[in-house]
Structures are given as C-alpha cells and as structure tokens.
Amino acid sequence: MRMPRTAGTPGAPISGPPGSGPFSGAPFSGGPVSGSPTSGSPFSAAPFSSGLIGRPLSSAPTSGTVYGLPMTDDAPTVVPTLGRPIDPVRSTGFHANARALELMATPAPPSGLVLGRDAEQKPVVAPMFRPEPVKSVVVGGAFAARVIVFRALAVGARVAVCTTRPQLWEGLGRGATGRDDRLAVLHGDRPVTVDANPHSPALYVYDVGEHGTATTPILGPWRTQLTILPKLTLYGSQALEEAQVTILQRITSEEVPAASASLRVSGETIGLFQMLYDDMFAMLRIGAKERYVWANATSIERQMFGEPVRDY
C-alpha cells in the first residue's frame, strides 16, 4: 500500500489521517415536503374485488371459510397432511475425518503488538513476540520508543531497558502496570537475561545511541531484542540488516544515504519515509510489503508521553 501524496511543498509531512476533513456538498435542493394529509377517510370503503379472495359480501360469511371469507373454486378445501406427525430426523452416519476438521478452523485476527491503524482504519500489529528469537529496530524519537515499550507491557511482556539516558525510562513500568517488577532500567550497554514464556514474553531494549548495541544478548523462544536508533546512520547499519521487524518515524534528507544502504527499499519508498506525519510509523518486515500506520495514541499515552512528535 502506498502512502497518498499531498499537494503543496515537496517533502512536506502528510497532514493528518485520512478522512479528517469535513464532507463537502450543499444540502438537498428543493423545498420541504408540505401540504395537508390526504383527504378522505384513511381506508377505502370499496368492497374487495372478486377472484381468489372471493366475491363482495352482502351478508355474513358462511361457516367454515378461511379468515371469514367465502371459499372459491381456486382456494384449497382440504389440507391432506393436516394432523399427521412429522417424521423424525434421521442421522446420516457421517463422520468428519481429521482433514475435514482442519478445514473447519475459524480464521483468527492477526495477533501481536498493536502499532496503530492503517488508512482503512484497520489495526496493524507487529509480530514482536514469537516462538523463535526476534530482532527488531525502532528508528525514532522518545515518543515512538516509549509508546512501543508501553504497548509491549500491555500484552504482558517483561522488559529490561539498557540505556544511556535512564531518566527517559524511570517510572514507565509502574505507570503502565502499577508494579515495579515488569520493567527494569539498567545503565549502559550490557548483556541481560529475562525469563520468558508465551504468556509473558521478554523484551530486551537497547537504547544506547546511534551506533546501536555492541552486546549480543542471549535470545530464544519468546525473547525479542529491540534496538532504539534516534536516527539513521551508517553506524547502525548492522542492527537494521539483522532486524526482522523495523519501525520508523519520519527521516530527514541527511538519513537518506543510510536508508538506501540498509533498508532494502526503493528510492520512492524512502521518499515516502520523509513525508510521514508526526503520529505515523512505517513498518518493514522481511518478505512483506511496507505498512504505513497512524499511532492512534490513547488518552493515557498522551498523558504519559505528550502529543506524538518526531524528536531527535
């Protein structure tokens, strides 16, 4: 899906989600419906026409007629099966095999960490937690990094943040979960291990600058490494090349060379990355087409992190 281009200065950010403007058009032309109600009695006093229903009545109907109307030659006189019992439903003896039962499976909606909504207002999820190890990258500012970690906590993840700016992360775990044992803030670039299972996956966040982490954490089932890159540089190319999932905020013209070298997308797509609005993400996945997402921040997220912004 391609992002729509907007008229105006080339390279200007996309302004707002689709359908944000008011509907145009004048009201229906013509005057309002007017006039008095139809004159006369509300129901016609004319007798029924002759035919299947019967001839006009000049006296009380005879007994045995349907709904008080006389019988005609076209109307049935006897219901042959009236009063007979209905035959019981018989089992056909059909038994479904294993393959037939597989085909009866109900399709499930996509699952994962909710990034926001697309141009059709459908939710877009990132497959951050899987039975196999996952490496992911966020290219963006503090708003994007904290909102994504906040939403990871919402799906039950245990988070360890290794960072050179601990003040950015202090209090996030308690603010999101009301507890202090769901998010740990560790100073500097260091290895970390967190227990993980399908109901409580682990997220290792490395927020250590433009170069990315020099640590190789021990990953495994339901363990995900998330590297935060404030902006795209050639120093962070290794993290981008190894990532199965990459989430970007708007990039600048200075970041285009690094994007061209590391993201494996066309020049046209990189141009669209430069036009993303403040509350938008682009998601890249191996083997899938890029997705464009409106963050759709909740009132709680806005209260905790402020309005969506692309900061550096």
Protein backbone atom coordinates (compact mmCIF):
# COMPACT_ATOMS: atom_id res chain seq x y z
CA MET A 1 0.00 0.00 0.00
CA ARG A 2 1.36 3.36 -0.95
CA MET A 3 1.01 6.49 1.05
CA PRO A 4 -1.04 9.17 -0.70
CA ARG A 5 0.93 12.21 -1.77
CA THR A 6 -0.34 15.59 -0.74
CA ALA A 7 -0.37 18.78 -2.72
CA GLY A 8 1.95 21.50 -1.63
CA THR A 9 5.63 21.78 -0.91
CA PRO A 10 7.54 18.60 -1.87
CA GLY A 11 8.79 16.73 1.17
CA ALA A 12 6.14 18.25 3.44
CA PRO A 13 4.74 15.81 6.02
CA ILE A 14 1.46 14.15 5.37
CA SER A 15 -1.12 16.21 7.17
CA GLY A 16 -3.42 14.15 9.32
CA PRO A 17 -5.15 10.79 8.99
CA PRO A 18 -7.41 10.05 6.03
CA GLY A 19 -10.93 11.33 6.15
CA SER A 20 -10.10 14.06 8.64
CA GLY A 21 -11.67 16.84 6.60
CA PRO A 22 -15.41 17.61 6.65
CA PHE A 23 -17.68 16.26 3.98
CA SER A 24 -18.45 18.79 1.30
CA GLY A 25 -21.60 19.42 -0.71
CA ALA A 26 -24.71 21.56 -0.40
CA PRO A 27 -27.89 20.27 1.26
CA PHE A 28 -30.57 18.69 -0.88
CA SER A 29 -32.23 21.22 -3.15
CA GLY A 30 -35.96 21.90 -3.22
CA GLY A 31 -38.41 22.94 -0.58
CA PRO A 32 -39.52 20.77 2.32
CA VAL A 33 -42.38 18.37 1.94
CA SER A 34 -45.54 20.37 2.54
CA GLY A 35 -49.28 20.14 2.23
CA SER A 36 -52.17 18.70 4.19
CA PRO A 37 -52.70 14.97 4.66
CA THR A 38 -54.59 13.05 2.01
CA SER A 39 -58.23 13.99 2.22
CA GLY A 40 -60.97 11.50 2.95
CA SER A 41 -61.10 8.53 5.28
CA PRO A 42 -57.82 6.73 5.86
CA PHE A 43 -59.08 3.45 4.38
CA SER A 44 -61.07 2.94 1.22
CA ALA A 45 -64.69 1.85 1.68
CA ALA A 46 -64.80 -0.07 -1.63
CA PRO A 47 -65.51 -3.82 -1.34
CA PHE A 48 -62.86 -6.46 -2.17
CA SER A 49 -62.57 -7.34 -5.84
CA SER A 50 -63.78 -10.76 -6.90
CA GLY A 51 -61.33 -13.54 -7.70
CA LEU A 52 -59.23 -15.72 -5.45
CA ILE A 53 -60.26 -13.93 -2.27
CA GLY A 54 -63.98 -14.17 -3.04
CA ARG A 55 -66.94 -12.16 -4.13
CA PRO A 56 -68.06 -8.97 -2.37
CA LEU A 57 -70.02 -9.74 0.77
CA SER A 58 -73.63 -8.70 1.05
CA SER A 59 -74.24 -10.73 4.20
CA ALA A 60 -72.34 -12.51 6.96
CA PRO A 61 -69.91 -15.18 5.68
CA THR A 62 -70.86 -18.81 5.83
CA SER A 63 -69.20 -21.08 8.35
CA GLY A 64 -66.02 -22.92 7.50
CA THR A 65 -64.35 -20.20 5.47
CA VAL A 66 -60.76 -19.00 5.95
CA TYR A 67 -60.43 -15.66 7.83
CA GLY A 68 -64.17 -15.17 7.49
CA LEU A 69 -64.12 -15.00 3.66
CA PRO A 70 -66.16 -17.31 1.42
CA MET A 71 -64.46 -20.20 -0.37
CA THR A 72 -63.86 -20.05 -4.13
CA ASP A 73 -63.09 -22.70 -6.71
CA ASP A 74 -59.40 -21.70 -6.61
CA ALA A 75 -59.00 -21.99 -2.84
CA PRO A 76 -57.96 -25.32 -1.25
CA THR A 77 -60.63 -27.13 0.73
CA VAL A 78 -58.58 -29.85 2.49
CA VAL A 79 -55.02 -29.98 3.80
CA PRO A 80 -54.04 -33.63 3.12
CA THR A 81 -51.31 -33.83 5.79
CA LEU A 82 -53.17 -31.93 8.49
CA GLY A 83 -52.74 -33.63 11.86
CA ARG A 84 -50.15 -36.17 10.74
CA PRO A 85 -46.96 -36.46 12.82
CA ILE A 86 -43.69 -35.26 11.30
CA ASP A 87 -41.17 -37.99 10.53
CA PRO A 88 -38.18 -37.89 12.90
CA VAL A 89 -34.88 -36.57 11.54
CA ARG A 90 -32.62 -39.49 10.76
CA SER A 91 -28.85 -39.39 11.20
CA THR A 92 -26.87 -39.94 8.02
CA GLY A 93 -23.99 -41.54 9.91
CA PHE A 94 -21.41 -39.05 8.52
CA HIS A 95 -18.16 -38.79 10.45
CA ALA A 96 -15.64 -35.99 9.77
CA ASN A 97 -12.04 -37.02 9.28
CA ALA A 98 -9.04 -35.08 10.59
CA ARG A 99 -8.59 -33.15 7.35
CA ALA A 100 -12.23 -32.02 7.33
CA LEU A 101 -11.91 -30.81 10.92
CA GLU A 102 -8.82 -28.77 9.99
CA LEU A 103 -10.79 -27.03 7.25
CA MET A 104 -13.45 -26.06 9.82
CA ALA A 105 -10.99 -23.89 11.76
CA THR A 106 -12.24 -20.35 12.37
CA PRO A 107 -9.88 -17.70 10.97
CA ALA A 108 -8.30 -15.64 13.74
CA PRO A 109 -7.38 -11.96 13.51
CA PRO A 110 -3.67 -11.14 13.40
CA SER A 111 -2.00 -11.09 16.79
CA GLY A 112 0.97 -9.13 18.05
CA LEU A 113 1.89 -5.72 19.38
CA VAL A 114 -0.57 -3.12 18.09
CA LEU A 115 1.22 -0.27 16.31
CA GLY A 116 -1.91 1.66 15.32
CA ARG A 117 -4.30 1.79 12.37
CA ASP A 118 -3.80 1.98 8.64
CA ALA A 119 -5.52 4.23 6.09
CA GLU A 120 -8.56 1.92 6.14
CA GLN A 121 -8.77 2.20 9.94
CA LYS A 122 -7.79 -1.45 10.37
CA PRO A 123 -5.44 -2.34 13.24
CA VAL A 124 -1.84 -3.05 12.30
CA VAL A 125 0.21 -5.35 14.52
CA ALA A 126 3.94 -6.02 14.68
CA PRO A 127 4.96 -9.68 15.23
CA MET A 128 7.36 -8.79 18.03
CA PHE A 129 6.98 -11.95 20.12
CA ARG A 130 7.24 -15.39 18.53
CA PRO A 131 8.29 -18.96 19.41
CA GLU A 132 11.64 -18.13 17.80
CA PRO A 133 14.02 -15.24 18.61
CA VAL A 134 13.17 -11.86 17.06
CA LYS A 135 15.41 -8.87 16.42
CA SER A 136 13.72 -5.52 15.86
CA VAL A 137 14.69 -1.88 15.46
CA VAL A 138 12.89 1.40 16.12
CA VAL A 139 14.24 4.42 14.26
CA GLY A 140 12.65 7.35 16.02
CA GLY A 141 12.47 9.63 19.00
CA ALA A 142 11.50 9.25 22.62
CA PHE A 143 7.76 9.24 21.89
CA ALA A 144 7.96 6.28 19.50
CA ALA A 145 10.35 4.30 21.71
CA ARG A 146 8.32 4.68 24.89
CA VAL A 147 4.91 4.12 23.28
CA ILE A 148 6.08 0.84 21.74
CA VAL A 149 7.55 -0.36 25.06
CA PHE A 150 4.38 0.75 26.85
CA ARG A 151 2.29 -1.36 24.47
CA ALA A 152 4.64 -4.31 24.95
CA LEU A 153 3.96 -4.10 28.69
CA ALA A 154 0.24 -4.07 27.89
CA VAL A 155 0.48 -7.51 26.25
CA GLY A 156 2.27 -8.96 29.29
CA ALA A 157 5.93 -8.58 28.35
CA ARG A 158 8.74 -8.34 30.90
CA VAL A 159 11.09 -5.57 29.81
CA ALA A 160 14.75 -4.84 30.53
CA VAL A 161 15.98 -1.46 29.25
CA CYS A 162 19.74 -0.97 28.86
CA THR A 163 20.18 2.75 28.31
CA THR A 164 22.46 5.76 28.43
CA ARG A 165 19.51 8.02 29.31
CA PRO A 166 17.81 6.32 32.28
CA GLN A 167 15.73 9.40 33.09
CA LEU A 168 13.70 8.66 29.95
CA TRP A 169 12.58 5.27 31.26
CA GLU A 170 12.29 5.70 35.02
CA GLY A 171 8.73 5.21 36.23
CA LEU A 172 7.42 3.77 32.95
CA GLY A 173 6.93 0.27 34.37
CA ARG A 174 4.93 1.45 37.37
CA GLY A 175 2.96 3.93 35.26
CA ALA A 176 1.98 1.20 32.81
CA THR A 177 1.36 -1.74 35.15
CA GLY A 178 1.20 -0.34 38.70
CA ARG A 179 4.14 -2.63 39.60
CA ASP A 180 7.92 -2.38 39.78
CA ASP A 181 8.75 -5.92 38.63
CA ARG A 182 7.74 -5.63 34.96
CA LEU A 183 10.38 -3.18 33.71
CA ALA A 184 13.98 -2.87 34.86
CA VAL A 185 16.20 0.08 33.91
CA LEU A 186 19.91 -0.77 33.61
CA HIS A 187 22.67 1.77 32.97
CA GLY A 188 24.85 1.30 29.91
CA ASP A 189 25.23 -1.37 27.25
CA ARG A 190 25.28 -4.76 28.96
CA PRO A 191 24.03 -8.34 28.50
CA VAL A 192 20.76 -9.25 30.17
CA THR A 193 18.58 -12.33 30.57
CA VAL A 194 14.87 -12.42 31.44
CA ASP A 195 12.62 -15.46 31.87
CA ALA A 196 10.10 -15.77 29.05
CA ASN A 197 7.11 -17.87 28.02
CA PRO A 198 4.17 -17.45 25.59
CA HIS A 199 2.09 -15.65 28.24
CA SER A 200 4.91 -13.39 29.44
CA PRO A 201 7.49 -12.79 26.68
CA ALA A 202 10.74 -10.92 27.27
CA LEU A 203 11.80 -7.68 25.59
CA TYR A 204 15.44 -6.54 25.73
CA VAL A 205 15.57 -2.83 24.87
CA TYR A 206 18.94 -1.30 23.91
CA ASP A 207 18.78 2.50 23.93
CA VAL A 208 22.49 3.30 23.73
CA GLY A 209 22.80 5.78 20.85
CA GLU A 210 23.18 5.94 17.08
CA HIS A 211 25.71 3.08 16.89
CA GLY A 212 23.34 0.54 18.40
CA THR A 213 24.42 -2.10 20.87
CA ALA A 214 27.77 -3.88 20.91
CA THR A 215 26.25 -6.57 23.12
CA THR A 216 24.92 -9.86 21.79
CA PRO A 217 22.13 -10.84 24.20
CA ILE A 218 21.14 -14.47 24.63
CA LEU A 219 17.87 -14.79 22.75
CA GLY A 220 15.49 -17.72 22.48
CA PRO A 221 11.78 -18.54 22.19
CA TRP A 222 9.58 -15.57 23.14
CA ARG A 223 12.60 -13.31 23.59
CA THR A 224 12.93 -10.17 21.46
CA GLN A 225 15.75 -7.66 21.13
CA LEU A 226 14.64 -4.08 20.40
CA THR A 227 17.34 -1.60 19.39
CA ILE A 228 16.45 2.10 19.55
CA LEU A 229 18.21 4.27 16.95
CA PRO A 230 17.48 8.02 17.36
CA LYS A 231 18.27 8.47 13.66
CA LEU A 232 19.63 6.54 10.70
CA THR A 233 23.41 6.49 10.27
CA LEU A 234 25.81 4.07 8.67
CA TYR A 235 26.96 3.15 12.19
CA GLY A 236 23.63 1.48 12.89
CA SER A 237 23.50 -0.48 9.64
CA GLN A 238 24.25 -3.85 11.27
CA ALA A 239 21.20 -3.64 13.55
CA LEU A 240 19.00 -2.75 10.57
CA GLU A 241 20.36 -5.55 8.40
CA GLU A 242 19.74 -8.15 11.12
CA ALA A 243 16.24 -6.96 12.05
CA GLN A 244 13.15 -8.98 11.14
CA VAL A 245 10.94 -6.01 12.08
CA THR A 246 11.86 -2.33 11.60
CA ILE A 247 9.64 0.55 12.72
CA LEU A 248 10.46 4.07 11.54
CA GLN A 249 9.32 7.57 12.21
CA ARG A 250 9.94 10.31 9.65
CA ILE A 251 13.52 10.52 8.37
CA THR A 252 15.40 13.57 7.08
CA SER A 253 17.39 14.08 3.90
CA GLU A 254 20.59 13.53 5.92
CA GLU A 255 19.41 10.00 6.73
CA VAL A 256 18.66 9.02 3.12
CA PRO A 257 22.14 7.58 2.34
CA ALA A 258 21.98 5.26 5.36
CA ALA A 259 18.39 4.31 4.50
CA SER A 260 19.38 3.45 0.93
CA ALA A 261 22.26 1.29 2.15
CA SER A 262 20.45 -0.59 4.92
CA LEU A 263 16.68 -0.77 4.40
CA ARG A 264 16.45 -2.67 1.08
CA VAL A 265 13.62 -0.49 -0.27
CA SER A 266 13.20 1.64 -3.38
CA GLY A 267 14.05 5.31 -3.68
CA GLU A 268 10.35 6.09 -4.00
CA THR A 269 9.65 4.36 -0.69
CA ILE A 270 12.46 6.25 1.01
CA GLY A 271 10.85 9.43 -0.29
CA LEU A 272 7.62 8.44 1.45
CA PHE A 273 9.52 7.89 4.70
CA GLN A 274 10.49 11.58 4.53
CA MET A 275 6.81 12.57 4.34
CA LEU A 276 5.49 10.74 7.39
CA TYR A 277 3.48 12.87 9.78
CA ASP A 278 4.43 13.17 13.47
CA ASP A 279 1.94 10.50 14.56
CA MET A 280 2.87 7.99 11.85
CA PHE A 281 5.10 4.92 11.63
CA ALA A 282 6.34 2.87 8.72
CA MET A 283 6.80 -0.85 9.42
CA LEU A 284 9.14 -3.04 7.41
CA ARG A 285 9.18 -6.83 7.65
CA ILE A 286 11.25 -9.41 5.82
CA GLY A 287 9.18 -10.88 2.99
CA ALA A 288 6.29 -8.41 3.37
CA LYS A 289 5.33 -5.06 1.88
CA GLU A 290 5.91 -1.96 3.97
CA ARG A 291 2.96 -0.73 6.05
CA TYR A 292 2.08 2.86 6.98
CA VAL A 293 0.44 3.32 10.35
CA TRP A 294 -1.16 6.11 12.38
CA ALA A 295 -0.08 5.62 16.01
CA ASN A 296 -3.60 6.39 17.27
CA ALA A 297 -2.28 7.28 20.73
CA THR A 298 -4.73 6.78 23.58
CA SER A 299 -5.56 9.43 26.16
CA ILE A 300 -3.37 7.64 28.72
CA GLU A 301 -0.43 7.55 26.30
CA ARG A 302 -0.84 11.25 25.56
CA GLN A 303 -0.95 11.99 29.27
CA MET A 304 2.24 9.99 29.91
CA PHE A 305 4.27 10.87 26.80
CA GLY A 306 2.69 14.03 25.40
CA GLU A 307 1.49 14.60 21.87
CA PRO A 308 3.04 12.48 19.10
CA VAL A 309 6.24 14.09 17.84
CA ARG A 310 9.32 13.17 15.83
CA ASP A 311 12.15 14.36 18.06
CA TYR A 312 15.89 13.63 17.88
